[in-house]
PDB file of N, CA and C in Angstrom:
ATOM      1  N   MET A   1     179.226-185.398  43.752  1.00  0.00           N
ATOM      2  CA  MET A   1     180.278-187.134  44.316  1.00  0.00           C
ATOM      3  C   MET A   1     179.272-187.557  43.184  1.00  0.00           C
ATOM      4  N   LYS A   2     179.889-187.878  41.467  1.00  0.00           N
ATOM      5  CA  LYS A   2     179.382-188.592  40.625  1.00  0.00           C
ATOM      6  C   LYS A   2     178.649-190.210  40.885  1.00  0.00           C
ATOM      7  N   GLN A   3     178.237-190.980  40.046  1.00  0.00           N
ATOM      8  CA  GLN A   3     177.781-192.395  40.394  1.00  0.00           C
ATOM      9  C   GLN A   3     179.000-193.813  40.489  1.00  0.00           C
ATOM     10  N   SER A   4     179.837-192.681  39.217  1.00  0.00           N
ATOM     11  CA  SER A   4     181.524-193.362  39.563  1.00  0.00           C
ATOM     12  C   SER A   4     182.095-193.450  39.860  1.00  0.00           C
ATOM     13  N   GLU A   5     182.184-192.306  40.986  1.00  0.00           N
ATOM     14  CA  GLU A   5     183.206-192.578  42.008  1.00  0.00           C
ATOM     15  C   GLU A   5     182.485-192.941  43.312  1.00  0.00           C
ATOM     16  N   VAL A   6     181.362-193.099  43.255  1.00  0.00           N
ATOM     17  CA  VAL A   6     180.662-193.715  44.697  1.00  0.00           C
ATOM     18  C   VAL A   6     181.377-195.213  44.103  1.00  0.00           C
ATOM     19  N   LYS A   7     180.642-195.710  43.164  1.00  0.00           N
ATOM     20  CA  LYS A   7     181.194-197.302  42.934  1.00  0.00           C
ATOM     21  C   LYS A   7     182.046-198.086  42.950  1.00  0.00           C
ATOM     22  N   GLU A   8     183.221-196.787  42.937  1.00  0.00           N
ATOM     23  CA  GLU A   8     184.712-196.741  43.305  1.00  0.00           C
ATOM     24  C   GLU A   8     184.874-196.871  45.174  1.00  0.00           C
ATOM     25  N   LEU A   9     184.183-196.977  45.773  1.00  0.00           N
ATOM     26  CA  LEU A   9     184.683-196.372  47.189  1.00  0.00           C
ATOM     27  C   LEU A   9     184.297-198.354  48.196  1.00  0.00           C
ATOM     28  N   SER A  10     184.838-198.097  48.974  1.00  0.00           N
ATOM     29  CA  SER A  10     184.516-199.223  49.772  1.00  0.00           C
ATOM     30  C   SER A  10     183.353-199.265  50.590  1.00  0.00           C
ATOM     31  N   VAL A  11     182.825-200.384  51.318  1.00  0.00           N
ATOM     32  CA  VAL A  11     181.945-199.981  52.640  1.00  0.00           C
ATOM     33  C   VAL A  11     182.063-199.094  53.521  1.00  0.00           C
ATOM     34  N   ALA A  12     183.526-199.099  54.129  1.00  0.00           N
ATOM     35  CA  ALA A  12     183.682-198.266  54.843  1.00  0.00           C
ATOM     36  C   ALA A  12     183.674-196.825  54.502  1.00  0.00           C
ATOM     37  N   ASP A  13     184.538-196.631  53.627  1.00  0.00           N
ATOM     38  CA  ASP A  13     184.420-195.436  52.597  1.00  0.00           C
ATOM     39  C   ASP A  13     183.011-194.505  52.950  1.00  0.00           C
ATOM     40  N   LEU A  14     182.016-195.812  51.987  1.00  0.00           N
ATOM     41  CA  LEU A  14     180.776-194.800  51.751  1.00  0.00           C
ATOM     42  C   LEU A  14     180.224-194.712  52.871  1.00  0.00           C
ATOM     43  N   HIS A  15     179.831-195.349  54.287  1.00  0.00           N
ATOM     44  CA  HIS A  15     179.275-195.285  55.003  1.00  0.00           C
ATOM     45  C   HIS A  15     180.363-193.629  55.989  1.00  0.00           C
ATOM     46  N   GLU A  16     181.186-193.728  55.875  1.00  0.00           N
ATOM     47  CA  GLU A  16     182.156-192.273  56.319  1.00  0.00           C
ATOM     48  C   GLU A  16     181.701-191.050  55.155  1.00  0.00           C
ATOM     49  N   GLN A  17     181.272-191.447  54.066  1.00  0.00           N
ATOM     50  CA  GLN A  17     181.557-189.949  53.089  1.00  0.00           C
ATOM     51  C   GLN A  17     179.652-189.997  53.627  1.00  0.00           C
ATOM     52  N   VAL A  18     178.806-190.990  53.781  1.00  0.00           N
ATOM     53  CA  VAL A  18     177.237-190.474  54.337  1.00  0.00           C
ATOM     54  C   VAL A  18     177.323-189.688  55.821  1.00  0.00           C
ATOM     55  N   ALA A  19     178.003-190.368  56.805  1.00  0.00           N
ATOM     56  CA  ALA A  19     178.221-189.331  57.377  1.00  0.00           C
ATOM     57  C   ALA A  19     178.634-187.808  57.530  1.00  0.00           C
ATOM     58  N   SER A  20     179.463-188.097  56.589  1.00  0.00           N
ATOM     59  CA  SER A  20     180.217-186.326  56.618  1.00  0.00           C
ATOM     60  C   SER A  20     179.410-185.822  55.567  1.00  0.00           C
ATOM     61  N   SER A  21     178.654-186.037  54.839  1.00  0.00           N
ATOM     62  CA  SER A  21     177.782-185.595  53.625  1.00  0.00           C
ATOM     63  C   SER A  21     176.490-185.105  54.938  1.00  0.00           C
ATOM     64  N   LYS A  22     176.062-186.194  55.321  1.00  0.00           N
ATOM     65  CA  LYS A  22     174.989-185.723  56.549  1.00  0.00           C
ATOM     66  C   LYS A  22     174.954-184.305  57.344  1.00  0.00           C
ATOM     67  N   GLN A  23     176.524-184.465  57.961  1.00  0.00           N
ATOM     68  CA  GLN A  23     176.664-183.415  59.304  1.00  0.00           C
ATOM     69  C   GLN A  23     176.705-181.722  58.229  1.00  0.00           C
ATOM     70  N   SER A  24     177.118-181.792  56.892  1.00  0.00           N
ATOM     71  CA  SER A  24     177.591-180.510  56.304  1.00  0.00           C
ATOM     72  C   SER A  24     175.960-180.257  56.070  1.00  0.00           C
ATOM     73  N   TYR A  25     175.566-181.770  55.530  1.00  0.00           N
ATOM     74  CA  TYR A  25     173.574-180.912  54.853  1.00  0.00           C
ATOM     75  C   TYR A  25     172.749-180.300  56.021  1.00  0.00           C
ATOM     76  N   ARG A  26     172.984-180.899  57.238  1.00  0.00           N
ATOM     77  CA  ARG A  26     172.974-180.054  58.166  1.00  0.00           C
ATOM     78  C   ARG A  26     173.072-178.455  58.282  1.00  0.00           C
ATOM     79  N   ASP A  27     174.555-178.773  58.573  1.00  0.00           N
ATOM     80  CA  ASP A  27     175.241-177.001  58.361  1.00  0.00           C
ATOM     81  C   ASP A  27     174.328-176.066  57.531  1.00  0.00           C
ATOM     82  N   LEU A  28     174.715-176.905  56.135  1.00  0.00           N
ATOM     83  CA  LEU A  28     174.196-175.946  55.223  1.00  0.00           C
ATOM     84  C   LEU A  28     172.767-175.415  55.379  1.00  0.00           C
ATOM     85  N   LYS A  29     172.199-176.330  55.996  1.00  0.00           N
ATOM     86  CA  LYS A  29     170.417-176.147  56.847  1.00  0.00           C
ATOM     87  C   LYS A  29     170.333-175.168  57.437  1.00  0.00           C
ATOM     88  N   MET A  30     171.160-175.192  58.891  1.00  0.00           N
ATOM     89  CA  MET A  30     171.229-174.242  59.820  1.00  0.00           C
ATOM     90  C   MET A  30     171.638-173.007  59.446  1.00  0.00           C
ATOM     91  N   ALA A  31     172.454-172.673  58.138  1.00  0.00           N
ATOM     92  CA  ALA A  31     173.424-171.381  57.821  1.00  0.00           C
ATOM     93  C   ALA A  31     172.147-170.849  56.807  1.00  0.00           C
ATOM     94  N   HIS A  32     171.247-171.715  56.233  1.00  0.00           N
ATOM     95  CA  HIS A  32     170.285-170.883  55.327  1.00  0.00           C
ATOM     96  C   HIS A  32     169.060-170.340  56.264  1.00  0.00           C
ATOM     97  N   ALA A  33     168.540-171.050  57.264  1.00  0.00           N
ATOM     98  CA  ALA A  33     167.759-170.772  58.223  1.00  0.00           C
ATOM     99  C   ALA A  33     167.907-169.177  58.809  1.00  0.00           C
ATOM    100  N   ILE A  34     169.536-169.069  58.502  1.00  0.00           N
ATOM    101  CA  ILE A  34     169.647-167.969  59.764  1.00  0.00           C
ATOM    102  C   ILE A  34     169.852-167.123  58.684  1.00  0.00           C
ATOM    103  N   THR A  35     170.886-167.282  57.435  1.00  0.00           N
ATOM    104  CA  THR A  35     170.966-166.036  56.550  1.00  0.00           C
ATOM    105  C   THR A  35     170.889-166.648  54.913  1.00  0.00           C
ATOM    106  N   PRO A  36     169.877-166.418  54.014  1.00  0.00           N
ATOM    107  CA  PRO A  36     170.268-167.413  52.861  1.00  0.00           C
ATOM    108  C   PRO A  36     171.221-167.406  51.772  1.00  0.00           C
ATOM    109  N   LEU A  37     171.738-168.496  51.445  1.00  0.00           N
ATOM    110  CA  LEU A  37     172.378-169.287  51.184  1.00  0.00           C
ATOM    111  C   LEU A  37     173.118-168.009  49.281  1.00  0.00           C
ATOM    112  N   ASP A  38     174.357-168.126  49.784  1.00  0.00           N
ATOM    113  CA  ASP A  38     174.138-168.066  47.886  1.00  0.00           C
ATOM    114  C   ASP A  38     173.942-168.900  46.399  1.00  0.00           C
ATOM    115  N   ASN A  39     173.882-169.845  46.909  1.00  0.00           N
ATOM    116  CA  ASN A  39     173.591-171.286  46.094  1.00  0.00           C
ATOM    117  C   ASN A  39     172.321-171.883  46.735  1.00  0.00           C
ATOM    118  N   PRO A  40     171.610-171.453  47.195  1.00  0.00           N
ATOM    119  CA  PRO A  40     170.707-172.957  47.544  1.00  0.00           C
ATOM    120  C   PRO A  40     170.098-173.938  47.020  1.00  0.00           C
ATOM    121  N   ALA A  41     170.724-174.056  45.974  1.00  0.00           N
ATOM    122  CA  ALA A  41     170.985-175.306  44.776  1.00  0.00           C
ATOM    123  C   ALA A  41     171.955-176.533  45.820  1.00  0.00           C
ATOM    124  N   GLN A  42     173.068-175.923  46.588  1.00  0.00           N
ATOM    125  CA  GLN A  42     173.742-176.721  47.148  1.00  0.00           C
ATOM    126  C   GLN A  42     172.946-177.838  47.992  1.00  0.00           C
ATOM    127  N   LEU A  43     171.737-177.470  48.850  1.00  0.00           N
ATOM    128  CA  LEU A  43     171.177-178.204  49.453  1.00  0.00           C
ATOM    129  C   LEU A  43     170.799-179.779  48.569  1.00  0.00           C
ATOM    130  N   ARG A  44     169.922-179.409  47.444  1.00  0.00           N
ATOM    131  CA  ARG A  44     169.729-180.347  46.673  1.00  0.00           C
ATOM    132  C   ARG A  44     171.085-181.088  46.446  1.00  0.00           C
ATOM    133  N   THR A  45     172.036-180.669  46.163  1.00  0.00           N
ATOM    134  CA  THR A  45     172.826-181.509  45.130  1.00  0.00           C
ATOM    135  C   THR A  45     173.694-182.860  46.484  1.00  0.00           C
ATOM    136  N   VAL A  46     173.551-181.926  47.837  1.00  0.00           N
ATOM    137  CA  VAL A  46     174.336-182.700  49.312  1.00  0.00           C
ATOM    138  C   VAL A  46     173.255-183.566  49.374  1.00  0.00           C
ATOM    139  N   ARG A  47     171.740-183.350  49.284  1.00  0.00           N
ATOM    140  CA  ARG A  47     170.971-184.910  49.906  1.00  0.00           C
ATOM    141  C   ARG A  47     170.968-185.455  48.914  1.00  0.00           C
ATOM    142  N   ARG A  48     171.437-185.074  46.871  1.00  0.00           N
ATOM    143  CA  ARG A  48     171.184-186.455  45.965  1.00  0.00           C
ATOM    144  C   ARG A  48     172.361-186.830  46.556  1.00  0.00           C
ATOM    145  N   THR A  49     173.438-186.359  46.943  1.00  0.00           N
ATOM    146  CA  THR A  49     174.847-187.037  47.467  1.00  0.00           C
ATOM    147  C   THR A  49     174.121-188.407  48.137  1.00  0.00           C
ATOM    148  N   ILE A  50     173.724-187.785  48.992  1.00  0.00           N
ATOM    149  CA  ILE A  50     173.640-189.012  50.698  1.00  0.00           C
ATOM    150  C   ILE A  50     172.424-189.990  50.107  1.00  0.00           C
ATOM    151  N   ALA A  51     171.529-189.407  49.013  1.00  0.00           N
ATOM    152  CA  ALA A  51     170.999-190.515  48.435  1.00  0.00           C
ATOM    153  C   ALA A  51     171.755-191.668  47.741  1.00  0.00           C
ATOM    154  N   ARG A  52     172.542-190.829  46.918  1.00  0.00           N
ATOM    155  CA  ARG A  52     173.372-192.131  45.935  1.00  0.00           C
ATOM    156  C   ARG A  52     174.471-193.049  46.967  1.00  0.00           C
ATOM    157  N   LEU A  53     174.953-192.164  47.593  1.00  0.00           N
ATOM    158  CA  LEU A  53     175.731-193.070  48.788  1.00  0.00           C
ATOM    159  C   LEU A  53     175.012-194.539  49.470  1.00  0.00           C
ATOM    160  N   THR A  54     174.159-193.702  50.285  1.00  0.00           N
ATOM    161  CA  THR A  54     172.881-194.961  50.216  1.00  0.00           C
ATOM    162  C   THR A  54     172.529-195.817  49.731  1.00  0.00           C
ATOM    163  N   THR A  55     171.683-195.449  48.606  1.00  0.00           N
ATOM    164  CA  THR A  55     171.375-196.484  47.801  1.00  0.00           C
ATOM    165  C   THR A  55     172.622-197.689  47.359  1.00  0.00           C
ATOM    166  N   GLU A  56     173.983-196.915  46.973  1.00  0.00           N
ATOM    167  CA  GLU A  56     175.316-198.224  46.629  1.00  0.00           C
ATOM    168  C   GLU A  56     175.253-199.118  47.809  1.00  0.00           C
ATOM    169  N   ILE A  57     175.149-198.120  49.443  1.00  0.00           N
ATOM    170  CA  ILE A  57     175.198-199.196  50.308  1.00  0.00           C
ATOM    171  C   ILE A  57     173.815-200.204  50.511  1.00  0.00           C
ATOM    172  N   THR A  58     172.711-199.660  50.196  1.00  0.00           N
ATOM    173  CA  THR A  58     171.675-200.628  50.274  1.00  0.00           C
ATOM    174  C   THR A  58     171.932-201.772  49.270  1.00  0.00           C
ATOM    175  N   LYS A  59     172.095-201.555  48.058  1.00  0.00           N
ATOM    176  CA  LYS A  59     172.649-202.572  47.087  1.00  0.00           C
ATOM    177  C   LYS A  59     173.444-203.547  47.376  1.00  0.00           C
ATOM    178  N   ARG A  60     174.943-203.008  47.946  1.00  0.00           N
ATOM    179  CA  ARG A  60     175.867-203.881  47.975  1.00  0.00           C
ATOM    180  C   ARG A  60     175.630-205.168  49.125  1.00  0.00           C
ATOM    181  N   GLU A  61     174.610-204.567  50.339  1.00  0.00           N
ATOM    182  CA  GLU A  61     174.310-205.673  51.376  1.00  0.00           C
ATOM    183  C   GLU A  61     173.357-206.491  50.449  1.00  0.00           C
ATOM    184  N   LEU A  62     172.588-206.105  49.961  1.00  0.00           N
ATOM    185  CA  LEU A  62     171.528-207.350  49.149  1.00  0.00           C
ATOM    186  C   LEU A  62     172.324-207.995  48.110  1.00  0.00           C
ATOM    187  N   GLN A  63     173.470-207.899  48.279  1.00  0.00           N
ATOM    188  CA  GLN A  63     174.456-208.772  47.046  1.00  0.00           C
ATOM    189  C   GLN A  63     174.294-209.567  47.627  1.00  0.00           C
TER     190      GLN A  63
END
């Protein structure tokens, strides 16, 4: 998810996206522990997406 897409979401949508992204990250980590992923860079992209979302939530709370 790009930063421009993140800015368009509401706060409730941001919290929902964070929850779903964290769940998918946990699922990917578990799958990678059992058998290697075809594309292990997915872990990095999901982790960075979570960071983008939480940063936007924090930014909005401070305003």
